[in-house]
């Protein structure tokens, strides 16, 4: 059976990196407890455009609209299948809603309008 990935690209202001890391650790704990197979939060390190023959790739910074005072994070969670992803995410959202129901003044450490998200079916695995 093919695995399924939820992938995210986030823009986090450099001054909020530690705050985001703590939030990501809470997320990791919840997703793993509720059945995710693997969980990764990766802070951009080498995001320069790459030469690819006569062309150049776009950088994650360019794609996300990140500025010099921002970090780009690439994050992904692995599941057994899309159905498994939906089951795990439902449990995680219920848990998060309960844990944060009293925090109506919560301000996200990342720029939600610059976040990209998608579900991906694993086609080639190595």
Protein backbone atom coordinates (compact mmCIF):
# COMPACT_ATOMS: atom_id res chain seq x y z
CA UNK A 1 0.00 0.00 0.00
CA UNK A 2 1.26 3.46 -0.91
CA UNK A 3 2.00 5.96 1.86
CA UNK A 4 0.49 9.43 2.06
CA UNK A 5 2.20 12.71 3.01
CA UNK A 6 0.85 16.01 4.28
CA UNK A 7 3.35 18.68 3.23
CA UNK A 8 3.71 22.30 4.34
CA UNK A 9 5.91 25.25 3.45
CA UNK A 10 5.81 27.96 6.12
CA UNK A 11 7.35 31.42 6.49
CA UNK A 12 8.45 32.13 10.06
CA UNK A 13 9.96 35.50 11.05
CA UNK A 14 13.49 34.88 12.42
CA UNK A 15 12.51 36.30 15.80
CA UNK A 16 9.71 33.73 16.11
CA UNK A 17 11.77 30.61 15.24
CA UNK A 18 11.98 29.33 18.82
CA UNK A 19 8.28 29.95 19.39
CA UNK A 20 7.49 28.04 16.20
CA UNK A 21 9.86 25.19 17.14
CA UNK A 22 8.01 24.72 20.45
CA UNK A 23 4.68 24.74 18.62
CA UNK A 24 6.06 22.18 16.13
CA UNK A 25 7.21 19.92 18.97
CA UNK A 26 3.69 19.98 20.43
CA UNK A 27 2.33 19.16 16.99
CA UNK A 28 4.82 16.32 16.56
CA UNK A 29 3.84 14.82 19.91
CA UNK A 30 0.14 14.95 19.04
CA UNK A 31 0.49 13.57 15.50
CA UNK A 32 2.78 10.75 16.60
CA UNK A 33 0.58 9.85 19.58
CA UNK A 34 -2.44 9.71 17.29
CA UNK A 35 -0.83 7.42 14.72
CA UNK A 36 1.33 9.34 12.23
CA UNK A 37 4.22 7.23 10.95
CA UNK A 38 6.80 10.04 10.79
CA UNK A 39 6.91 13.78 11.42
CA UNK A 40 9.51 16.28 10.19
CA UNK A 41 9.97 20.05 10.66
CA UNK A 42 12.88 21.35 8.58
CA UNK A 43 14.22 24.91 8.72
CA UNK A 44 15.62 26.21 5.45
CA UNK A 45 19.40 26.25 5.22
CA UNK A 46 20.50 26.32 1.58
CA UNK A 47 17.70 28.01 -0.35
CA UNK A 48 19.59 29.53 -3.27
CA UNK A 49 18.38 29.04 -6.81
CA UNK A 50 20.07 26.10 -8.48
CA UNK A 51 21.34 26.01 -12.05
CA UNK A 52 19.70 23.21 -13.98
CA UNK A 53 21.24 23.24 -17.42
CA UNK A 54 20.32 26.51 -19.15
CA UNK A 55 17.55 27.15 -16.58
CA UNK A 56 17.49 28.10 -12.90
CA UNK A 57 15.10 26.70 -10.35
CA UNK A 58 12.94 28.95 -8.19
CA UNK A 59 13.96 29.09 -4.55
CA UNK A 60 11.61 28.28 -1.71
CA UNK A 61 12.17 31.84 -0.48
CA UNK A 62 10.96 33.27 -3.79
CA UNK A 63 8.00 30.88 -4.02
CA UNK A 64 6.85 31.65 -0.47
CA UNK A 65 7.49 35.40 -0.57
CA UNK A 66 9.92 35.16 2.37
CA UNK A 67 12.03 38.23 3.12
CA UNK A 68 15.57 38.46 4.54
CA UNK A 69 14.21 38.52 8.09
CA UNK A 70 12.20 35.31 7.54
CA UNK A 71 13.02 31.62 7.66
CA UNK A 72 11.35 29.11 5.34
CA UNK A 73 10.32 25.83 6.90
CA UNK A 74 9.46 22.67 4.97
CA UNK A 75 7.44 20.23 7.04
CA UNK A 76 5.83 16.91 6.35
CA UNK A 77 3.94 14.15 8.11
CA UNK A 78 3.79 10.57 6.83
CA UNK A 79 0.72 8.34 7.04
CA UNK A 80 -0.26 4.83 5.88
CA UNK A 81 -2.84 6.20 3.42
CA UNK A 82 -5.13 9.17 2.80
CA UNK A 83 -7.83 7.46 4.88
CA UNK A 84 -5.33 7.00 7.73
CA UNK A 85 -4.31 10.67 7.37
CA UNK A 86 -7.94 11.78 7.67
CA UNK A 87 -8.45 9.63 10.80
CA UNK A 88 -5.26 10.86 12.49
CA UNK A 89 -5.87 14.52 11.59
CA UNK A 90 -9.41 14.35 13.00
CA UNK A 91 -8.03 13.13 16.36
CA UNK A 92 -5.25 15.74 16.34
CA UNK A 93 -7.67 18.60 15.57
CA UNK A 94 -10.02 17.48 18.37
CA UNK A 95 -7.06 17.36 20.76
CA UNK A 96 -5.76 20.78 19.68
CA UNK A 97 -9.21 22.39 19.84
CA UNK A 98 -9.61 21.12 23.40
CA UNK A 99 -6.11 22.19 24.47
CA UNK A 100 -6.45 25.71 23.03
CA UNK A 101 -10.16 26.45 23.51
CA UNK A 102 -9.37 29.12 26.12
CA UNK A 103 -6.77 30.92 23.98
CA UNK A 104 -8.87 33.20 21.81
CA UNK A 105 -5.99 35.71 21.70
CA UNK A 106 -3.51 33.24 20.17
CA UNK A 107 -1.19 34.79 17.57
CA UNK A 108 0.50 32.37 15.20
CA UNK A 109 4.31 32.51 15.04
CA UNK A 110 4.20 31.94 11.28
CA UNK A 111 2.62 33.91 8.45
CA UNK A 112 -0.57 31.98 7.63
CA UNK A 113 -1.09 33.86 4.37
CA UNK A 114 2.30 32.57 3.17
CA UNK A 115 1.71 28.93 4.17
CA UNK A 116 1.29 26.30 1.47
CA UNK A 117 -0.29 22.93 2.28
CA UNK A 118 -1.15 19.81 0.35
CA UNK A 119 -1.73 16.09 0.62
CA UNK A 120 0.53 13.92 -1.54
CA UNK A 121 0.35 10.28 -2.56
CA UNK A 122 3.78 8.65 -2.47
CA UNK A 123 4.51 7.41 -6.00
CA UNK A 124 8.23 6.53 -5.83
CA UNK A 125 9.80 5.38 -2.59
CA UNK A 126 13.37 4.43 -1.88
